[in-house]
């Protein structure tokens, strides 16, 4: 059976939409007519299995994915079958695109495919890590527990990303508003104020002359500068598509004193938490490392994880393999070593992930708490220079009068 999204009119002429399952489009239309609906549009939710293409429907946010996973695990724990749980999720989903994806997965499951295989039809919604964990749950017979841990993992990652992003909102707003105010003053206010003093034919102070030069450059060449910035941004975006450039940039980011530690801590937290849930779900370590490498955003660190995976495949322990790269925090290495010695690798990886996430939050909080006042002082200093450049000619005129 396949899923079909429809738009139709009921007996009262009211527009309705939803998802119906049928063997083909003709059967779907017949089923809807039996319900008293006149079909205006009917689209199949999934492509045929023969072409192997991925679902074209994305648009499912991380928050929605976490909610779906949490509800799915709860329904499985309540004893519902996978097919029945998917039906309930389709009925509860508010996002039409999420309903489409779930309906497509249910159609695959009804056709006899395992859940992990059905998820592969929607790789933009369910990444490789998600599918690997679901497959491990199927193989171990603990699908409900694995889905619960997966929901915790997605929610924790979302919460950490939201905290980091939110911490930079205030400095970004202050910077943007201050820059607009300064440019506006230089473009409109300064020329009008200083033109009064130029008419007196007196020698203007150096600060005033410098400010006039900057104002003149903005008025005469501001548009050219804006175009140049846009072109430079486009060139940077084009260059950033090349893997060699991305690797060079990621390596440079790691060497920057403050941002390097933030970048390292964030990637280490993602790596440790991913390895923790994979190891705790029964995924073999080598497969877990291959999947976990995909969540590491920094390409230099990702290459280091791949190198460590190769060393583990050759017989090295995970702690020694990561230690050889000299790129990961010592606390991660020591906690992994303790977990390997005690047989609680997943627990110690989870502890390392929490430690790195806490360190990241603390550093970001400290950085942003200092950055906000610093930016206010810098912008206030810029405005002060503009005010002084306007007032200095007035002071000189007063001295001349005296």
Protein backbone atom coordinates (compact mmCIF):
# COMPACT_ATOMS: atom_id res chain seq x y z
CA UNK A 1 0.00 0.00 0.00
CA UNK A 2 1.03 3.60 -0.61
CA UNK A 3 0.16 6.86 1.07
CA UNK A 4 -1.61 9.65 -0.81
CA UNK A 5 -2.06 13.26 0.27
CA UNK A 6 -5.36 14.68 -0.91
CA UNK A 7 -7.20 17.96 -1.11
CA UNK A 8 -10.96 17.57 -1.53
CA UNK A 9 -14.36 19.17 -1.00
CA UNK A 10 -16.96 17.64 1.29
CA UNK A 11 -20.76 17.62 0.73
CA UNK A 12 -21.03 21.12 2.14
CA UNK A 13 -18.37 22.51 -0.17
CA UNK A 14 -15.78 22.84 2.61
CA UNK A 15 -12.15 22.22 1.66
CA UNK A 16 -10.48 19.36 3.54
CA UNK A 17 -7.06 17.74 3.25
CA UNK A 18 -5.42 14.68 4.69
CA UNK A 19 -3.66 11.39 3.99
CA UNK A 20 -5.26 8.19 2.74
CA UNK A 21 -3.66 4.79 2.14
CA UNK A 22 -4.53 2.65 -0.86
CA UNK A 23 -2.97 0.27 -3.36
CA UNK A 24 -3.05 2.88 -6.12
CA UNK A 25 -4.43 6.31 -7.00
CA UNK A 26 -7.68 4.89 -8.40
CA UNK A 27 -8.38 3.01 -5.18
CA UNK A 28 -7.58 6.13 -3.17
CA UNK A 29 -10.06 8.21 -5.16
CA UNK A 30 -12.72 5.50 -4.80
CA UNK A 31 -12.14 5.37 -1.03
CA UNK A 32 -12.51 9.14 -0.75
CA UNK A 33 -15.68 9.15 -2.87
CA UNK A 34 -17.17 6.59 -0.50
CA UNK A 35 -16.54 9.10 2.29
CA UNK A 36 -18.49 11.74 0.36
CA UNK A 37 -15.45 13.71 -0.75
CA UNK A 38 -14.81 15.18 -4.20
CA UNK A 39 -11.07 14.95 -4.88
CA UNK A 40 -9.42 18.08 -6.25
CA UNK A 41 -5.78 16.97 -5.91
CA UNK A 42 -4.13 13.64 -5.11
CA UNK A 43 -0.37 13.10 -4.76
CA UNK A 44 1.57 10.00 -3.79
CA UNK A 45 3.79 10.53 -0.77
CA UNK A 46 6.70 8.27 -1.69
CA UNK A 47 8.54 7.50 -4.85
CA UNK A 48 8.75 3.95 -6.12
CA UNK A 49 11.25 1.67 -4.51
CA UNK A 50 12.84 0.94 -7.86
CA UNK A 51 14.31 4.35 -8.45
CA UNK A 52 15.89 4.54 -5.00
CA UNK A 53 15.39 8.27 -4.74
CA UNK A 54 15.07 10.01 -1.41
CA UNK A 55 11.92 11.69 -0.26
CA UNK A 56 11.53 15.16 -1.68
CA UNK A 57 9.74 16.35 1.44
CA UNK A 58 11.88 17.80 4.14
CA UNK A 59 10.90 20.71 6.39
CA UNK A 60 10.72 18.69 9.63
CA UNK A 61 12.53 20.68 12.30
CA UNK A 62 14.73 19.24 15.01
CA UNK A 63 12.11 20.09 17.63
CA UNK A 64 9.44 18.22 15.65
CA UNK A 65 11.76 15.25 15.17
CA UNK A 66 12.45 15.13 18.91
CA UNK A 67 8.71 15.28 19.67
CA UNK A 68 7.92 12.54 17.16
CA UNK A 69 10.67 10.34 18.59
CA UNK A 70 9.47 10.92 22.16
CA UNK A 71 5.85 10.11 21.27
CA UNK A 72 6.94 7.06 19.28
CA UNK A 73 8.92 5.65 22.21
CA UNK A 74 5.98 6.22 24.57
CA UNK A 75 3.59 4.44 22.23
CA UNK A 76 5.95 1.49 21.84
CA UNK A 77 6.36 1.25 25.62
CA UNK A 78 2.55 1.17 25.90
CA UNK A 79 2.56 -2.01 23.81
CA UNK A 80 1.42 -0.64 20.45
CA UNK A 81 2.82 -2.16 17.29
CA UNK A 82 5.02 -0.06 15.03
CA UNK A 83 2.23 0.21 12.46
CA UNK A 84 -0.35 1.33 15.04
CA UNK A 85 2.12 3.76 16.64
CA UNK A 86 2.81 5.36 13.26
CA UNK A 87 -0.94 5.70 12.66
CA UNK A 88 -1.32 7.58 15.95
CA UNK A 89 1.64 9.82 15.10
CA UNK A 90 0.11 10.66 11.72
CA UNK A 91 -3.15 11.66 13.41
CA UNK A 92 -1.35 13.83 15.99
CA UNK A 93 1.16 15.53 13.67
CA UNK A 94 0.36 19.18 13.05
CA UNK A 95 2.94 19.74 10.31
CA UNK A 96 1.59 18.47 6.95
CA UNK A 97 5.11 17.59 5.81
CA UNK A 98 5.68 15.52 8.94
CA UNK A 99 2.39 13.70 8.27
CA UNK A 100 3.52 13.00 4.73
CA UNK A 101 6.82 11.54 5.89
CA UNK A 102 5.17 9.40 8.58
CA UNK A 103 2.56 8.15 6.13
CA UNK A 104 5.28 7.17 3.71
CA UNK A 105 7.13 5.28 6.45
CA UNK A 106 3.92 3.50 7.47
CA UNK A 107 3.35 2.42 3.88
CA UNK A 108 6.84 0.91 3.76
CA UNK A 109 6.30 -0.89 7.08
CA UNK A 110 2.95 -2.27 5.90
CA UNK A 111 4.73 -3.56 2.80
CA UNK A 112 7.02 -5.59 5.06
CA UNK A 113 10.09 -3.36 5.35
CA UNK A 114 11.79 -2.92 8.75
CA UNK A 115 11.45 0.52 10.32
CA UNK A 116 15.16 1.31 9.85
CA UNK A 117 14.87 0.52 6.12
CA UNK A 118 11.74 2.66 5.80
CA UNK A 119 13.60 5.57 7.38
CA UNK A 120 16.27 5.42 4.67
CA UNK A 121 13.68 6.73 2.19
CA UNK A 122 13.80 10.07 4.03
CA UNK A 123 17.50 10.75 4.70
CA UNK A 124 17.00 14.52 4.97
CA UNK A 125 14.60 14.01 7.87
CA UNK A 126 16.25 11.01 9.55
CA UNK A 127 20.06 11.27 9.36
CA UNK A 128 22.40 8.29 9.32
CA UNK A 129 22.92 8.45 13.08
CA UNK A 130 19.17 8.22 13.69
CA UNK A 131 18.80 5.25 11.36
CA UNK A 132 21.80 3.47 12.89
CA UNK A 133 20.36 3.74 16.39
CA UNK A 134 16.92 2.54 15.24
CA UNK A 135 18.56 -0.42 13.50
CA UNK A 136 20.42 -1.26 16.72
CA UNK A 137 17.13 -1.15 18.63
CA UNK A 138 15.56 -3.55 16.14
CA UNK A 139 18.49 -5.96 16.37
CA UNK A 140 18.52 -5.91 20.18
CA UNK A 141 14.72 -6.12 20.56
CA UNK A 142 14.70 -2.98 22.73
CA UNK A 143 13.19 -0.52 20.28
CA UNK A 144 11.20 1.40 22.91
CA UNK A 145 14.19 1.99 25.20
CA UNK A 146 16.45 2.93 22.30
CA UNK A 147 13.90 5.43 20.97
CA UNK A 148 13.64 6.94 24.46
CA UNK A 149 17.41 7.48 24.59
CA UNK A 150 17.34 8.82 21.06
CA UNK A 151 14.68 11.37 22.03
CA UNK A 152 16.79 12.45 25.03
CA UNK A 153 19.80 12.82 22.75
CA UNK A 154 17.99 14.97 20.17
CA UNK A 155 16.44 17.19 22.85
CA UNK A 156 19.80 17.67 24.59
CA UNK A 157 21.50 18.65 21.33
CA UNK A 158 18.69 21.05 20.48
CA UNK A 159 18.80 22.66 23.92
CA UNK A 160 22.58 23.15 23.74
CA UNK A 161 22.42 24.64 20.24
CA UNK A 162 19.59 26.96 21.30
CA UNK A 163 21.53 28.19 24.36
CA UNK A 164 24.64 28.92 22.33
CA UNK A 165 22.69 30.70 19.58
CA UNK A 166 20.62 32.71 22.06
CA UNK A 167 23.74 33.85 23.90
CA UNK A 168 24.96 35.69 20.79
CA UNK A 169 21.65 37.36 19.96
CA UNK A 170 22.11 40.35 22.31
CA UNK A 171 25.66 41.25 21.14
CA UNK A 172 24.58 40.89 17.51
CA UNK A 173 21.60 43.21 18.04
CA UNK A 174 23.77 45.79 19.84
CA UNK A 175 26.37 45.66 17.07
CA UNK A 176 23.81 46.01 14.29
CA UNK A 177 21.89 48.90 15.87
CA UNK A 178 25.06 50.75 16.85
CA UNK A 179 26.53 50.41 13.37
CA UNK A 180 23.34 51.76 11.79
CA UNK A 181 23.30 54.72 14.20
CA UNK A 182 26.94 55.59 13.50
CA UNK A 183 26.59 55.29 9.73
CA UNK A 184 23.42 57.38 9.86
CA UNK A 185 25.15 60.12 11.84
CA UNK A 186 28.11 60.14 9.46
CA UNK A 187 25.90 60.21 6.38
CA UNK A 188 23.29 62.81 7.40
CA UNK A 189 24.04 64.57 10.70
CA UNK A 190 27.77 65.30 10.54
CA UNK A 191 27.85 67.05 7.12
CA UNK A 192 24.96 69.34 8.05
CA UNK A 193 26.46 70.30 11.41
CA UNK A 194 30.02 70.84 10.25
CA UNK A 195 29.02 72.77 7.11
CA UNK A 196 28.07 75.62 9.44
CA UNK A 197 31.66 75.87 10.68
CA UNK A 198 33.17 75.57 7.21
CA UNK A 199 31.35 78.74 6.17
CA UNK A 200 33.34 80.69 8.78
CA UNK A 201 36.56 79.93 6.84
CA UNK A 202 38.34 78.99 10.06
CA UNK A 203 40.80 76.11 10.34
CA UNK A 204 38.88 73.11 11.64
CA UNK A 205 40.42 70.79 14.28
CA UNK A 206 42.10 67.61 13.05
CA UNK A 207 39.40 65.37 14.57
CA UNK A 208 36.69 67.30 12.76
CA UNK A 209 38.57 67.17 9.44
CA UNK A 210 39.14 63.43 9.83
CA UNK A 211 35.47 62.87 10.57
CA UNK A 212 34.51 64.93 7.51
CA UNK A 213 36.81 62.79 5.36
CA UNK A 214 35.14 59.62 6.64
CA UNK A 215 31.70 61.13 6.09
CA UNK A 216 32.64 62.18 2.56
CA UNK A 217 33.94 58.68 1.77
CA UNK A 218 30.68 57.13 3.00
CA UNK A 219 28.52 59.52 1.01
CA UNK A 220 30.55 59.27 -2.21
CA UNK A 221 31.72 55.66 -2.15
CA UNK A 222 29.29 53.97 0.23
CA UNK A 223 27.37 52.24 -2.55
CA UNK A 224 30.59 51.07 -4.17
CA UNK A 225 31.80 49.74 -0.85
CA UNK A 226 28.51 47.93 -0.29
CA UNK A 227 28.76 46.30 -3.72
CA UNK A 228 32.36 45.35 -2.99
CA UNK A 229 31.30 43.74 0.29
CA UNK A 230 28.56 41.77 -1.45
CA UNK A 231 30.99 40.60 -4.13
CA UNK A 232 33.56 39.68 -1.49
CA UNK A 233 30.91 37.71 0.40
CA UNK A 234 29.90 35.89 -2.78
CA UNK A 235 33.54 35.09 -3.56
CA UNK A 236 34.06 33.80 -0.02
CA UNK A 237 30.93 31.65 -0.28
CA UNK A 238 32.16 30.23 -3.60
CA UNK A 239 35.61 29.51 -2.18
CA UNK A 240 34.08 27.95 0.95
CA UNK A 241 32.44 25.29 -1.20
CA UNK A 242 35.89 23.79 -1.83
CA UNK A 243 36.86 21.13 0.67
CA UNK A 244 40.47 22.33 0.94
CA UNK A 245 39.32 25.83 1.89
CA UNK A 246 36.91 24.46 4.50
CA UNK A 247 39.62 22.30 6.05
CA UNK A 248 41.99 25.29 6.19
CA UNK A 249 39.31 27.48 7.80
CA UNK A 250 38.40 24.78 10.35
CA UNK A 251 42.07 24.36 11.24
CA UNK A 252 42.42 28.12 11.69
CA UNK A 253 39.35 28.21 13.94
CA UNK A 254 40.92 25.65 16.25
CA UNK A 255 44.03 27.82 16.62
CA UNK A 256 42.15 30.98 17.64
CA UNK A 257 42.58 31.24 21.44
CA UNK A 258 38.97 31.71 22.54
CA UNK A 259 36.89 30.55 19.59
CA UNK A 260 39.12 27.51 19.18
CA UNK A 261 38.24 26.24 22.64
CA UNK A 262 34.55 26.89 22.05
CA UNK A 263 34.67 25.03 18.74
CA UNK A 264 36.60 22.14 20.26
CA UNK A 265 34.27 21.86 23.27
CA UNK A 266 31.11 21.90 21.12
CA UNK A 267 32.37 19.22 18.74
CA UNK A 268 33.72 17.10 21.58
CA UNK A 269 30.35 17.23 23.36
CA UNK A 270 28.55 16.09 20.20
CA UNK A 271 31.07 13.30 19.60
CA UNK A 272 30.93 12.00 23.18
CA UNK A 273 27.14 12.12 23.44
CA UNK A 274 26.75 10.36 20.09
CA UNK A 275 29.21 7.61 20.98
CA UNK A 276 27.49 7.25 24.35
CA UNK A 277 24.03 6.60 22.95
CA UNK A 278 25.38 4.35 20.19
CA UNK A 279 27.47 2.28 22.60
CA UNK A 280 24.59 2.13 25.08
CA UNK A 281 22.27 0.92 22.32
CA UNK A 282 24.52 -2.01 21.48
CA UNK A 283 26.09 -0.64 18.31
CA UNK A 284 29.63 -2.03 17.72
CA UNK A 285 32.34 0.51 18.46
CA UNK A 286 33.70 0.74 14.91
CA UNK A 287 30.27 1.33 13.42
CA UNK A 288 29.52 3.81 16.21
CA UNK A 289 32.66 5.80 15.40
CA UNK A 290 31.83 5.88 11.70
CA UNK A 291 28.37 7.25 12.50
CA UNK A 292 29.64 9.65 15.17
CA UNK A 293 32.18 11.19 12.79
CA UNK A 294 29.25 12.62 10.83
CA UNK A 295 28.10 14.81 13.75
CA UNK A 296 31.53 16.46 14.14
CA UNK A 297 31.23 19.77 12.32
CA UNK A 298 34.91 20.73 12.30
CA UNK A 299 36.58 18.89 9.42
CA UNK A 300 39.98 18.71 11.12
CA UNK A 301 38.43 17.03 14.16
CA UNK A 302 36.33 14.80 11.88
CA UNK A 303 39.48 13.61 10.12
CA UNK A 304 41.01 12.95 13.52
CA UNK A 305 38.00 10.78 14.47
CA UNK A 306 38.39 8.83 11.23
CA UNK A 307 42.09 8.33 11.97
CA UNK A 308 41.21 7.13 15.46
CA UNK A 309 38.64 4.74 13.99
CA UNK A 310 41.34 3.27 11.76
CA UNK A 311 43.61 2.79 14.79
CA UNK A 312 40.81 1.08 16.73
CA UNK A 313 40.22 -1.23 13.77
CA UNK A 314 43.92 -2.16 13.97
CA UNK A 315 43.62 -3.07 17.65
CA UNK A 316 44.18 0.16 19.62
CA UNK A 317 41.89 1.22 22.43
CA UNK A 318 39.58 4.18 21.84
CA UNK A 319 41.32 6.34 24.46
CA UNK A 320 44.78 5.71 22.98
CA UNK A 321 43.52 6.25 19.44
CA UNK A 322 41.99 9.63 20.32
CA UNK A 323 45.02 10.60 22.40
CA UNK A 324 47.33 10.11 19.40
CA UNK A 325 45.50 12.83 17.48
CA UNK A 326 46.44 15.45 20.12
CA UNK A 327 43.26 17.35 19.25
CA UNK A 328 40.75 16.31 21.92
CA UNK A 329 40.58 17.53 25.54
CA UNK A 330 42.47 15.41 28.08
CA UNK A 331 39.32 15.01 30.20
CA UNK A 332 37.66 13.14 27.32
CA UNK A 333 40.66 10.81 26.97
CA UNK A 334 40.82 10.06 30.71
CA UNK A 335 37.08 9.43 31.06
CA UNK A 336 37.08 7.11 28.04
CA UNK A 337 40.07 5.26 29.49
CA UNK A 338 38.23 4.83 32.78
CA UNK A 339 35.15 3.58 30.96
CA UNK A 340 37.19 1.03 29.00
CA UNK A 341 38.87 -0.22 32.16
CA UNK A 342 35.60 -0.51 34.12
CA UNK A 343 33.41 -1.78 31.27
CA UNK A 344 31.15 1.31 31.48
CA UNK A 345 32.21 3.08 28.33
CA UNK A 346 28.74 4.48 27.52
CA UNK A 347 28.39 5.92 31.04
CA UNK A 348 31.76 7.62 30.98
CA UNK A 349 31.14 8.94 27.47
CA UNK A 350 27.88 10.45 28.68
CA UNK A 351 29.73 12.03 31.61
CA UNK A 352 32.33 13.45 29.23
CA UNK A 353 29.60 14.84 27.00
CA UNK A 354 27.92 16.55 29.95
CA UNK A 355 31.23 17.97 31.14
CA UNK A 356 32.10 19.40 27.73
CA UNK A 357 28.58 20.78 27.26
CA UNK A 358 28.75 22.45 30.68
CA UNK A 359 32.15 23.93 29.88
CA UNK A 360 30.85 25.22 26.56
CA UNK A 361 27.83 26.86 28.18
CA UNK A 362 30.01 28.45 30.86
CA UNK A 363 32.53 29.84 28.38
CA UNK A 364 29.84 31.15 26.06
CA UNK A 365 28.02 32.76 28.97
CA UNK A 366 31.23 34.41 30.22
CA UNK A 367 32.20 35.55 26.73
CA UNK A 368 28.82 37.07 25.92
CA UNK A 369 28.49 38.70 29.35
CA UNK A 370 31.79 40.50 28.70
CA UNK A 371 31.15 41.10 25.01
CA UNK A 372 27.92 43.01 25.55
CA UNK A 373 29.36 45.77 27.79
CA UNK A 374 32.55 45.89 25.70
CA UNK A 375 30.57 46.53 22.53
CA UNK A 376 28.50 49.19 24.28
CA UNK A 377 31.74 50.92 25.37
CA UNK A 378 33.24 50.73 21.88
CA UNK A 379 30.14 52.06 20.20
CA UNK A 380 29.75 54.69 22.88
CA UNK A 381 33.35 55.73 22.24
CA UNK A 382 32.65 56.04 18.52
CA UNK A 383 29.63 58.23 19.18
CA UNK A 384 31.72 60.30 21.64
CA UNK A 385 34.32 60.97 18.93
CA UNK A 386 31.58 62.15 16.58
CA UNK A 387 30.17 64.48 19.23
CA UNK A 388 33.63 65.84 20.06
CA UNK A 389 34.35 66.45 16.38
CA UNK A 390 31.20 68.57 16.22
CA UNK A 391 31.80 70.41 19.51
CA UNK A 392 35.50 71.27 19.08
CA UNK A 393 34.87 73.98 16.44
CA UNK A 394 32.28 75.51 18.77
CA UNK A 395 34.82 75.67 21.60
CA UNK A 396 37.37 77.34 19.29
CA UNK A 397 34.82 79.90 18.14
CA UNK A 398 34.08 80.77 21.77
CA UNK A 399 37.80 81.28 22.43
CA UNK A 400 38.08 83.55 19.39
CA UNK A 401 35.18 85.66 20.58
CA UNK A 402 36.79 86.06 23.99
